[in-house]
Amino acid sequence: MVIYEKKYDVIDLETGRLDPLIFTDEEVYREELDKIFGRAWVMIGHDTLVPNRNDFFHTYIGEDPVILTRDANGKLHAFLNVCRHRGARVVRADIGNAPNFMCAYHGWTYSNQGDLEFVPGEDEAYYRDIDKEELRLVEAKVETYAGIVFATWDKGAPTLEAFLGDARWYLDMTFNRLDGGTEAFGPIKWIEPVNWKTAVDNCSDNYHVPTTHLSAILVGTQMQGLPRLTHQKQFESENKHIFINGHSITVRPLEKPDQARQIHGVTEENRHLFEDFYRSTFAEAEKRLGSFRAGGLQLGNHSIFPNGVLGFRLAHPRGPLETEFWHFALVEKDLPEDLKSSLKRASGNYNGVTGLFEQDDMDNWRGVTRGSRGSLARAYGQRLSMGVGHEGRNPDLPGIVSERYVSENNQRHFYRRWEEFMNADSWTDIPLEPITANFEGTATIKGTEISQKGTE
């Protein structure tokens, strides 16, 4: 067991100064794997990736390989994909359907409930002196939110509902809007030479968009017929920038309840079809979320602590200077097939190594990571001072709400949350904002029925 004695003080909330050492240092990274990815509730998949009994999907928590599986009874499990014998990986496929998993090294075989069922030579080689119960696959705690599967290794972790807190009040507007729930397609996978935190930090950074993504904005303006996005429009925007329990949120007011929520994938030709869909499903959404969340607001760009970014995307750490991204297209199941196709195509057009937005972001994240390696860069640090002192509570919106849409309040508090995890000895040392939001409507954290039972 590794004992850490160092205490971190990397962000000054009054000046916004950030120590860039946390983007490049190997010791810091190794401690992150234990104290953040070993403790937090981490997104690992979606229930539609394992819709049938005995389905499995291979994923990760930090650098630890994980088998997400639905057993014969329909229950979800998350197992460390490491054989208890000599440490080889048990499952080597990305997806599949199997009631048992056999390690290809020595043949130890486990059920998809984690039991060690067969050991070659149990009588002869082990003289019947092997505790198969003690040698089960290592299992994480699993809970779901509206179809998204989360897992944690820490048996002392709070419930997922407490971990998400009032952030769920906002997330419901995308992930929990309709009875039918959502479905995931993908993922697109790629590796970037960047620190994982740069992508999370970027998720509610709206300041960069008019500059970084100018070429994509011009293409989108031509395709969608929308006015060009400028800094001034963002400064005057009524959109909100909100932080809760480590989760960074942005929301946008809707001009009308049937407004198309998506940006990428909506064109002048299909906009009326999206509006028809939102109009036809508004009564159901209003029943689930109440009138304000169903027809007055929409969820914008956001991140879920620690490494869930831009909706349903996983940023798997692969060292202090490398991150493996898995991007999924997530759509509502009840959406017409032609609109699903439009959103899936747009997801591929804007995300991944060839994505119109992604190429811009990769260049910036790579620059931040490389620029943080020098000793002089660390001496000066980064300055996340935008909007200091201009945030607080809002009677209509839960969380810490910035006065302006363009702010670095979420970024400052993300790194403060990072400090809280890194400086804590256990979950008892990590503060959680209590749930105070009025969750009007019938939607619950569990989402749809497939999350609990699966299909035959």
Protein backbone atom coordinates (compact mmCIF):
# COMPACT_ATOMS: atom_id res chain seq x y z
CA MET A 1 0.00 0.00 0.00
CA VAL A 2 1.35 3.42 -0.96
CA ILE A 3 1.26 6.09 1.76
CA TYR A 4 1.13 9.67 0.52
CA GLU A 5 2.19 12.50 2.81
CA LYS A 6 2.28 15.41 0.37
CA LYS A 7 -0.48 18.01 0.55
CA TYR A 8 -1.39 20.01 -2.52
CA ASP A 9 -2.06 23.74 -2.82
CA VAL A 10 -2.16 24.26 -6.59
CA ILE A 11 -4.98 26.78 -7.13
CA ASP A 12 -5.45 30.19 -5.56
CA LEU A 13 -9.17 30.99 -5.74
CA GLU A 14 -8.55 34.71 -5.20
CA THR A 15 -5.94 35.22 -7.92
CA GLY A 16 -6.63 32.21 -10.13
CA ARG A 17 -2.96 31.18 -10.15
CA LEU A 18 -2.61 27.47 -11.03
CA ASP A 19 0.55 25.39 -10.66
CA PRO A 20 1.10 23.63 -14.03
CA LEU A 21 3.15 20.87 -12.37
CA ILE A 22 -0.06 18.85 -12.05
CA PHE A 23 -0.17 18.39 -15.85
CA THR A 24 3.26 16.79 -16.27
CA ASP A 25 4.57 15.26 -13.03
CA GLU A 26 4.71 11.44 -12.93
CA GLU A 27 4.38 11.21 -9.14
CA VAL A 28 1.33 13.47 -9.17
CA TYR A 29 -0.20 11.30 -11.87
CA ARG A 30 0.38 8.06 -9.95
CA GLU A 31 -1.28 9.59 -6.92
CA GLU A 32 -4.24 10.70 -9.06
CA LEU A 33 -4.85 7.10 -10.09
CA ASP A 34 -5.15 6.10 -6.42
CA LYS A 35 -6.88 9.09 -4.87
CA ILE A 36 -9.15 10.25 -7.69
CA PHE A 37 -9.78 7.27 -9.96
CA GLY A 38 -9.57 4.89 -7.01
CA ARG A 39 -12.28 6.82 -5.12
CA ALA A 40 -14.64 8.73 -7.38
CA TRP A 41 -17.71 7.46 -9.18
CA VAL A 42 -16.43 7.13 -12.75
CA MET A 43 -18.51 6.80 -15.92
CA ILE A 44 -17.65 3.45 -17.51
CA GLY A 45 -20.40 2.82 -20.05
CA HIS A 46 -24.09 2.86 -20.88
CA ASP A 47 -26.71 0.19 -20.33
CA THR A 48 -27.48 0.06 -24.05
CA LEU A 49 -23.91 -1.17 -24.62
CA VAL A 50 -24.89 -4.33 -22.70
CA PRO A 51 -28.62 -4.60 -23.47
CA ASN A 52 -28.91 -8.40 -23.29
CA ARG A 53 -28.22 -10.84 -20.51
CA ASN A 54 -24.61 -12.11 -20.58
CA ASP A 55 -23.48 -9.12 -22.71
CA PHE A 56 -20.15 -7.53 -21.80
CA PHE A 57 -18.29 -4.34 -22.73
CA HIS A 58 -14.62 -3.72 -21.98
CA THR A 59 -13.84 -0.34 -20.43
CA TYR A 60 -11.55 1.36 -17.88
CA ILE A 61 -11.42 3.13 -14.54
CA GLY A 62 -8.25 5.17 -14.80
CA GLU A 63 -5.69 2.73 -16.18
CA ASP A 64 -7.38 -0.31 -14.64
CA PRO A 65 -9.12 -2.49 -17.27
CA VAL A 66 -12.75 -3.25 -16.39
CA ILE A 67 -15.33 -5.76 -17.60
CA LEU A 68 -18.81 -4.24 -17.60
CA THR A 69 -21.23 -7.16 -17.85
CA ARG A 70 -24.89 -7.98 -17.42
CA ASP A 71 -25.29 -11.40 -15.79
CA ALA A 72 -27.94 -14.03 -16.52
CA ASN A 73 -30.28 -12.37 -14.02
CA GLY A 74 -29.95 -8.97 -15.71
CA LYS A 75 -27.76 -7.43 -12.99
CA LEU A 76 -24.88 -5.14 -13.98
CA HIS A 77 -21.37 -5.84 -12.67
CA ALA A 78 -17.99 -4.16 -13.10
CA PHE A 79 -14.95 -6.39 -12.55
CA LEU A 80 -11.24 -5.67 -12.65
CA ASN A 81 -10.16 -7.43 -15.83
CA VAL A 82 -7.19 -9.09 -14.15
CA CYS A 83 -6.92 -12.81 -13.35
CA ARG A 84 -6.40 -13.44 -9.65
CA HIS A 85 -3.72 -16.04 -10.46
CA ARG A 86 -0.87 -14.30 -12.31
CA GLY A 87 -2.44 -10.99 -13.26
CA ALA A 88 -3.14 -11.57 -16.96
CA ARG A 89 -6.16 -9.98 -18.60
CA VAL A 90 -9.15 -12.31 -18.63
CA VAL A 91 -11.28 -10.69 -21.34
CA ARG A 92 -9.47 -9.62 -24.51
CA ALA A 93 -12.43 -8.58 -26.66
CA ASP A 94 -14.06 -5.13 -26.70
CA ILE A 95 -17.64 -6.46 -26.65
CA GLY A 96 -19.38 -9.82 -26.64
CA ASN A 97 -21.83 -12.16 -24.98
CA ALA A 98 -20.59 -14.86 -22.60
CA PRO A 99 -21.73 -16.43 -19.34
CA ASN A 100 -18.11 -17.21 -18.38
CA PHE A 101 -14.68 -15.64 -18.83
CA MET A 102 -11.58 -17.84 -19.18
CA CYS A 103 -8.06 -16.54 -18.69
CA ALA A 104 -6.03 -17.62 -21.73
CA TYR A 105 -2.84 -17.96 -19.64
CA HIS A 106 -3.65 -20.92 -17.37
CA GLY A 107 -7.35 -21.51 -17.93
CA TRP A 108 -8.79 -20.13 -14.70
CA THR A 109 -12.47 -19.53 -15.48
CA TYR A 110 -14.86 -17.06 -13.88
CA SER A 111 -18.63 -16.63 -14.14
CA ASN A 112 -20.01 -13.27 -15.21
CA GLN A 113 -21.02 -12.84 -11.57
CA GLY A 114 -17.31 -12.90 -10.67
CA ASP A 115 -17.10 -16.38 -9.14
CA LEU A 116 -13.99 -18.47 -9.75
CA GLU A 117 -15.67 -21.56 -11.18
CA PHE A 118 -12.84 -23.69 -12.53
CA VAL A 119 -9.13 -24.09 -11.85
CA PRO A 120 -7.22 -26.69 -13.88
CA GLY A 121 -5.60 -29.14 -11.48
CA GLU A 122 -7.53 -27.96 -8.46
CA ASP A 123 -7.24 -31.44 -6.91
CA GLU A 124 -3.86 -32.50 -8.30
CA ALA A 125 -1.77 -29.31 -8.55
CA TYR A 126 -3.35 -27.43 -5.64
CA TYR A 127 -4.14 -30.48 -3.47
CA ARG A 128 -7.66 -29.10 -2.98
CA ASP A 129 -6.08 -26.26 -0.99
CA ILE A 130 -7.34 -23.20 -2.86
CA ASP A 131 -9.93 -20.74 -1.61
CA LYS A 132 -11.98 -20.03 -4.74
CA GLU A 133 -14.32 -17.68 -2.89
CA GLU A 134 -11.41 -15.48 -1.83
CA LEU A 135 -10.10 -15.50 -5.42
CA ARG A 136 -13.21 -14.07 -7.10
CA LEU A 137 -12.73 -11.29 -9.64
CA VAL A 138 -12.27 -7.94 -7.90
CA GLU A 139 -15.61 -6.14 -8.14
CA ALA A 140 -16.44 -2.44 -8.12
CA LYS A 141 -19.64 -0.89 -6.81
CA VAL A 142 -22.01 -0.11 -9.71
CA GLU A 143 -24.89 2.34 -9.93
CA THR A 144 -26.66 3.89 -12.90
CA TYR A 145 -27.97 7.32 -13.71
CA ALA A 146 -30.54 7.40 -16.53
CA GLY A 147 -28.76 4.58 -18.35
CA ILE A 148 -25.20 5.83 -17.80
CA VAL A 149 -23.21 3.29 -15.79
CA PHE A 150 -20.89 4.53 -13.03
CA ALA A 151 -18.52 2.48 -10.89
CA THR A 152 -16.21 3.04 -7.93
CA TRP A 153 -13.59 0.87 -6.23
CA ASP A 154 -14.10 2.65 -2.91
CA LYS A 155 -16.52 0.75 -0.66
CA GLY A 156 -16.83 3.88 1.50
CA ALA A 157 -17.99 6.11 -1.35
CA PRO A 158 -21.32 7.92 -1.00
CA THR A 159 -24.23 7.00 -3.25
CA LEU A 160 -24.05 8.07 -6.87
CA GLU A 161 -27.06 10.30 -6.22
CA ALA A 162 -25.13 12.15 -3.51
CA PHE A 163 -22.00 12.30 -5.71
CA LEU A 164 -23.91 13.95 -8.55
CA GLY A 165 -25.93 16.09 -6.16
CA ASP A 166 -27.79 19.00 -7.67
CA ALA A 167 -25.84 18.60 -10.94
CA ARG A 168 -28.46 15.98 -11.81
CA TRP A 169 -31.09 18.75 -11.87
CA TYR A 170 -29.32 20.02 -15.00
CA LEU A 171 -28.18 16.69 -16.45
CA ASP A 172 -31.78 15.43 -16.47
CA MET A 173 -32.59 17.89 -19.27
CA THR A 174 -30.48 15.83 -21.69
CA PHE A 175 -30.14 12.37 -20.19
CA ASN A 176 -33.45 11.88 -18.40
CA ARG A 177 -35.98 13.83 -20.46
CA LEU A 178 -38.20 11.01 -21.78
CA ASP A 179 -39.47 7.66 -20.51
CA GLY A 180 -37.65 5.86 -23.32
CA GLY A 181 -34.26 7.13 -22.22
CA THR A 182 -31.17 7.36 -24.42
CA GLU A 183 -28.98 4.99 -26.40
CA ALA A 184 -25.25 5.11 -27.03
CA PHE A 185 -23.44 4.51 -30.34
CA GLY A 186 -19.70 4.06 -30.60
CA PRO A 187 -17.19 4.77 -29.31
CA ILE A 188 -14.80 6.58 -31.59
CA LYS A 189 -11.37 6.05 -29.97
CA TRP A 190 -8.16 8.03 -30.27
CA ILE A 191 -5.10 8.97 -28.22
CA GLU A 192 -3.79 12.49 -27.73
CA PRO A 193 -0.47 13.63 -26.18
CA VAL A 194 -2.29 15.67 -23.52
CA ASN A 195 -2.95 15.52 -19.80
CA TRP A 196 -6.47 14.29 -19.02
CA LYS A 197 -7.35 17.37 -16.97
CA THR A 198 -6.94 19.75 -19.91
CA ALA A 199 -9.99 18.23 -21.62
CA VAL A 200 -12.11 18.39 -18.46
CA ASP A 201 -11.04 21.99 -17.85
CA ASN A 202 -12.04 22.87 -21.42
CA CYS A 203 -15.60 21.56 -21.12
CA SER A 204 -17.09 24.75 -19.72
CA ASP A 205 -14.50 27.08 -21.26
CA ASN A 206 -16.67 29.14 -23.59
CA TYR A 207 -14.11 31.93 -23.94
CA HIS A 208 -12.03 29.97 -26.47
CA VAL A 209 -14.82 29.13 -28.91
CA PRO A 210 -14.92 32.27 -31.16
CA THR A 211 -11.12 32.16 -31.55
CA THR A 212 -10.23 28.47 -31.53
CA HIS A 213 -13.18 27.22 -33.55
CA LEU A 214 -13.54 30.10 -36.01
CA SER A 215 -13.27 27.93 -39.13
CA ALA A 216 -15.88 25.46 -37.83
CA ILE A 217 -18.14 28.36 -36.80
CA LEU A 218 -18.02 29.78 -40.32
CA VAL A 219 -18.94 26.37 -41.77
CA GLY A 220 -21.77 25.97 -39.26
CA THR A 221 -23.06 29.45 -39.97
CA GLN A 222 -23.24 28.68 -43.68
CA MET A 223 -24.95 25.32 -43.11
CA GLN A 224 -27.38 26.42 -40.40
CA GLY A 225 -28.02 30.01 -41.39
CA LEU A 226 -27.17 31.28 -37.89
CA PRO A 227 -25.39 34.55 -37.04
CA ARG A 228 -21.66 34.20 -36.46
CA LEU A 229 -20.68 33.64 -32.83
CA THR A 230 -18.44 36.40 -31.46
CA HIS A 231 -16.88 37.19 -28.10
CA GLN A 232 -19.22 40.12 -27.64
CA LYS A 233 -22.26 37.90 -28.09
CA GLN A 234 -20.89 35.55 -25.47
CA PHE A 235 -20.22 38.39 -23.03
CA GLU A 236 -23.84 39.50 -23.41
CA SER A 237 -25.27 35.99 -23.36
CA GLU A 238 -27.93 34.94 -20.85
CA ASN A 239 -26.41 31.44 -20.72
CA LYS A 240 -25.17 30.32 -17.31
CA HIS A 241 -21.91 28.84 -15.99
CA ILE A 242 -22.41 26.65 -12.89
CA PHE A 243 -20.35 24.45 -10.56
CA ILE A 244 -21.58 21.65 -8.25
CA ASN A 245 -19.60 18.95 -6.40
CA GLY A 246 -16.79 18.91 -8.97
CA HIS A 247 -19.15 18.94 -11.94
CA SER A 248 -18.96 21.85 -14.39
CA ILE A 249 -22.24 22.83 -16.05
CA THR A 250 -23.43 25.33 -18.61
CA VAL A 251 -27.10 25.92 -19.46
CA ARG A 252 -28.88 27.96 -22.09
CA PRO A 253 -32.38 29.45 -21.94
CA LEU A 254 -34.74 28.18 -24.61
CA GLU A 255 -36.51 30.68 -26.82
CA LYS A 256 -39.46 28.29 -27.11
CA PRO A 257 -40.25 24.82 -25.69
CA ASP A 258 -39.96 23.10 -29.10
CA GLN A 259 -36.57 24.64 -29.92
CA ALA A 260 -34.02 22.16 -31.32
CA ARG A 261 -31.62 21.45 -28.45
CA GLN A 262 -28.74 20.24 -30.59
CA ILE A 263 -26.28 22.42 -32.50
CA HIS A 264 -24.34 19.88 -34.56
CA GLY A 265 -26.60 17.87 -36.84
CA VAL A 266 -29.40 20.44 -37.08
CA THR A 267 -29.65 22.13 -40.48
CA GLU A 268 -32.11 24.47 -42.15
CA GLU A 269 -33.53 21.45 -43.95
CA ASN A 270 -34.23 19.33 -40.86
CA ARG A 271 -34.76 21.95 -38.16
CA HIS A 272 -38.55 21.71 -38.46
CA LEU A 273 -38.33 17.93 -37.92
CA PHE A 274 -36.43 18.41 -34.66
CA GLU A 275 -38.97 21.02 -33.59
CA ASP A 276 -41.80 18.62 -34.43
CA PHE A 277 -40.17 16.01 -32.20
CA TYR A 278 -39.73 18.35 -29.24
CA ARG A 279 -43.27 19.63 -29.70
CA SER A 280 -44.72 16.14 -29.75
CA THR A 281 -42.74 15.01 -26.68
CA PHE A 282 -43.11 18.15 -24.57
CA ALA A 283 -46.04 16.87 -22.48
CA GLU A 284 -44.05 13.77 -21.53
CA ALA A 285 -40.95 15.81 -20.75
CA GLU A 286 -42.99 18.27 -18.68
CA LYS A 287 -44.41 15.40 -16.64
CA ARG A 288 -40.91 14.08 -15.96
CA LEU A 289 -39.07 17.37 -15.38
CA GLY A 290 -41.63 20.08 -14.71
CA SER A 291 -42.33 22.97 -17.07
CA PHE A 292 -39.18 25.02 -16.36
CA ARG A 293 -36.63 22.27 -17.05
CA ALA A 294 -38.69 20.75 -19.87
CA GLY A 295 -39.33 23.93 -21.81
CA GLY A 296 -37.25 26.77 -20.41
CA LEU A 297 -33.66 25.51 -20.25
CA GLN A 298 -31.28 23.23 -22.07
CA LEU A 299 -28.03 21.63 -20.89
CA GLY A 300 -24.93 22.95 -22.67
CA ASN A 301 -21.32 21.83 -22.59
CA HIS A 302 -20.40 20.23 -19.28
CA SER A 303 -18.16 17.75 -17.46
CA ILE A 304 -18.80 15.15 -14.78
CA PHE A 305 -15.98 14.76 -12.27
CA PRO A 306 -13.44 13.37 -12.69
CA ASN A 307 -13.16 12.54 -16.40
CA GLY A 308 -16.57 12.59 -18.07
CA VAL A 309 -16.44 15.28 -20.74
CA LEU A 310 -18.77 16.87 -23.30
CA GLY A 311 -21.80 14.70 -22.70
CA PHE A 312 -20.95 11.02 -22.92
CA ARG A 313 -17.22 10.95 -23.58
CA LEU A 314 -14.60 9.21 -21.47
CA ALA A 315 -11.11 10.68 -21.03
CA HIS A 316 -9.02 7.69 -19.94
CA PRO A 317 -5.65 8.74 -18.45
CA ARG A 318 -2.66 7.00 -19.99
CA GLY A 319 0.14 8.82 -18.17
CA PRO A 320 0.67 12.48 -17.33
CA LEU A 321 1.29 13.28 -21.01
CA GLU A 322 -1.27 11.06 -22.74
CA THR A 323 -5.04 10.54 -22.76
CA GLU A 324 -7.20 8.01 -24.61
CA PHE A 325 -10.57 9.44 -25.58
CA TRP A 326 -13.72 7.41 -26.20
CA HIS A 327 -16.49 9.47 -27.76
CA PHE A 328 -20.05 8.16 -28.01
CA ALA A 329 -23.00 9.58 -29.90
CA LEU A 330 -25.85 9.62 -27.38
CA VAL A 331 -29.39 10.13 -28.69
CA GLU A 332 -32.89 9.77 -27.32
CA LYS A 333 -34.35 6.39 -28.22
CA ASP A 334 -37.66 7.90 -29.32
CA LEU A 335 -36.04 10.24 -31.84
CA PRO A 336 -36.94 9.37 -35.46
CA GLU A 337 -34.26 7.30 -37.21
CA ASP A 338 -33.41 9.94 -39.80
CA LEU A 339 -32.72 12.49 -37.05
CA LYS A 340 -30.65 9.95 -35.13
CA SER A 341 -28.58 9.45 -38.28
CA SER A 342 -28.10 13.18 -38.64
CA LEU A 343 -26.85 13.50 -35.06
CA LYS A 344 -24.55 10.49 -35.39
CA ARG A 345 -23.01 11.88 -38.59
CA ALA A 346 -22.52 15.27 -36.94
CA SER A 347 -20.91 13.61 -33.94
CA GLY A 348 -18.34 12.04 -36.23
CA ASN A 349 -17.86 15.24 -38.22
CA TYR A 350 -17.04 17.36 -35.19
CA ASN A 351 -15.34 14.87 -32.84
CA GLY A 352 -12.40 12.50 -33.08
CA VAL A 353 -9.04 13.00 -34.78
CA THR A 354 -10.66 14.27 -37.99
CA GLY A 355 -13.38 16.29 -36.24
CA LEU A 356 -13.79 19.94 -37.14
CA PHE A 357 -13.81 20.99 -33.48
CA GLU A 358 -11.52 18.27 -32.18
CA GLN A 359 -8.53 19.22 -34.31
CA ASP A 360 -8.63 22.74 -32.90
CA ASP A 361 -8.91 21.53 -29.31
CA MET A 362 -6.17 18.92 -29.68
CA ASP A 363 -3.73 21.58 -30.75
CA ASN A 364 -4.56 23.75 -27.72
CA TRP A 365 -4.51 20.89 -25.18
CA ARG A 366 -1.21 19.67 -26.57
CA GLY A 367 0.19 23.17 -26.23
CA VAL A 368 -0.95 23.47 -22.59
CA THR A 369 0.57 20.09 -21.73
CA ARG A 370 3.89 20.79 -23.44
CA GLY A 371 4.07 24.32 -22.12
CA SER A 372 3.72 23.06 -18.55
CA ARG A 373 6.92 20.99 -18.66
CA GLY A 374 9.46 23.78 -18.24
CA SER A 375 10.67 25.03 -14.87
CA LEU A 376 10.18 28.67 -15.83
CA ALA A 377 6.60 27.98 -16.93
CA ARG A 378 5.92 26.51 -13.51
CA ALA A 379 7.45 29.54 -11.79
CA TYR A 380 4.96 31.83 -13.50
CA GLY A 381 2.01 29.43 -13.51
CA GLN A 382 -1.32 29.77 -15.28
CA ARG A 383 -3.85 32.53 -14.54
CA LEU A 384 -7.46 31.48 -14.25
CA SER A 385 -8.65 34.81 -12.88
CA MET A 386 -11.61 35.55 -15.16
CA GLY A 387 -14.69 36.38 -13.10
CA VAL A 388 -13.08 36.11 -9.65
CA GLY A 389 -15.57 37.38 -7.09
CA HIS A 390 -18.42 37.41 -9.58
CA GLU A 391 -20.23 34.19 -8.69
CA GLY A 392 -22.71 33.15 -6.05
CA ARG A 393 -26.09 31.58 -5.38
CA ASN A 394 -29.08 32.05 -7.66
CA PRO A 395 -32.65 31.61 -6.35
CA ASP A 396 -33.70 29.82 -9.55
CA LEU A 397 -30.60 27.72 -10.25
CA PRO A 398 -28.78 25.32 -7.90
CA GLY A 399 -24.99 25.44 -7.50
CA ILE A 400 -22.42 28.22 -7.67
CA VAL A 401 -23.56 30.40 -10.57
CA SER A 402 -21.26 32.83 -12.38
CA GLU A 403 -22.54 36.29 -13.28
CA ARG A 404 -21.52 35.79 -16.89
CA TYR A 405 -21.53 32.85 -19.26
CA VAL A 406 -17.84 33.50 -19.96
CA SER A 407 -16.01 32.81 -16.71
CA GLU A 408 -13.24 30.65 -15.24
CA ASN A 409 -15.10 29.99 -12.01
CA ASN A 410 -15.79 26.37 -12.98
CA GLN A 411 -12.14 25.81 -13.82
CA ARG A 412 -10.91 27.26 -10.52
CA HIS A 413 -13.33 25.12 -8.55
CA PHE A 414 -12.50 22.02 -10.60
CA TYR A 415 -8.88 22.30 -9.46
CA ARG A 416 -10.01 22.98 -5.90
CA ARG A 417 -12.07 19.76 -6.12
CA TRP A 418 -8.94 18.02 -7.41
CA GLU A 419 -7.12 19.28 -4.31
CA GLU A 420 -9.87 17.98 -2.03
CA PHE A 421 -9.54 14.47 -3.44
CA MET A 422 -5.74 14.53 -3.50
CA ASN A 423 -5.42 15.83 0.08
CA ALA A 424 -8.06 13.50 1.58
CA ASP A 425 -7.25 10.31 3.46
CA SER A 426 -10.71 8.91 2.75
CA TRP A 427 -14.17 9.92 1.58
CA THR A 428 -14.91 11.27 5.06
CA ASP A 429 -12.48 14.11 4.28
CA ILE A 430 -14.16 15.06 0.98
CA PRO A 431 -17.01 17.59 1.26
CA LEU A 432 -20.27 17.12 -0.64
CA GLU A 433 -22.81 19.83 -1.30
CA PRO A 434 -26.21 18.61 -0.04
CA ILE A 435 -29.06 18.07 -2.48
CA THR A 436 -31.29 21.14 -2.28
CA ALA A 437 -32.80 21.46 -5.77
CA ASN A 438 -36.49 21.02 -6.37
CA PHE A 439 -36.64 17.98 -8.66
CA GLU A 440 -40.08 18.75 -10.02
CA GLY A 441 -41.58 15.92 -12.06
CA THR A 442 -41.50 12.13 -12.03
CA ALA A 443 -37.97 11.49 -13.34
CA THR A 444 -35.69 9.62 -10.91
CA ILE A 445 -32.00 8.81 -10.95
CA LYS A 446 -32.68 5.26 -12.15
CA GLY A 447 -33.97 6.20 -15.58
CA THR A 448 -35.43 3.40 -17.66
CA GLU A 449 -36.13 -0.23 -16.87
CA ILE A 450 -33.24 -1.67 -18.88
CA SER A 451 -30.85 -0.26 -16.27
CA GLN A 452 -32.08 -2.81 -13.76
CA LYS A 453 -33.23 -5.85 -15.71
CA GLY A 454 -31.90 -5.98 -19.24
CA THR A 455 -33.47 -8.11 -21.95
CA GLU A 456 -33.46 -11.81 -22.67
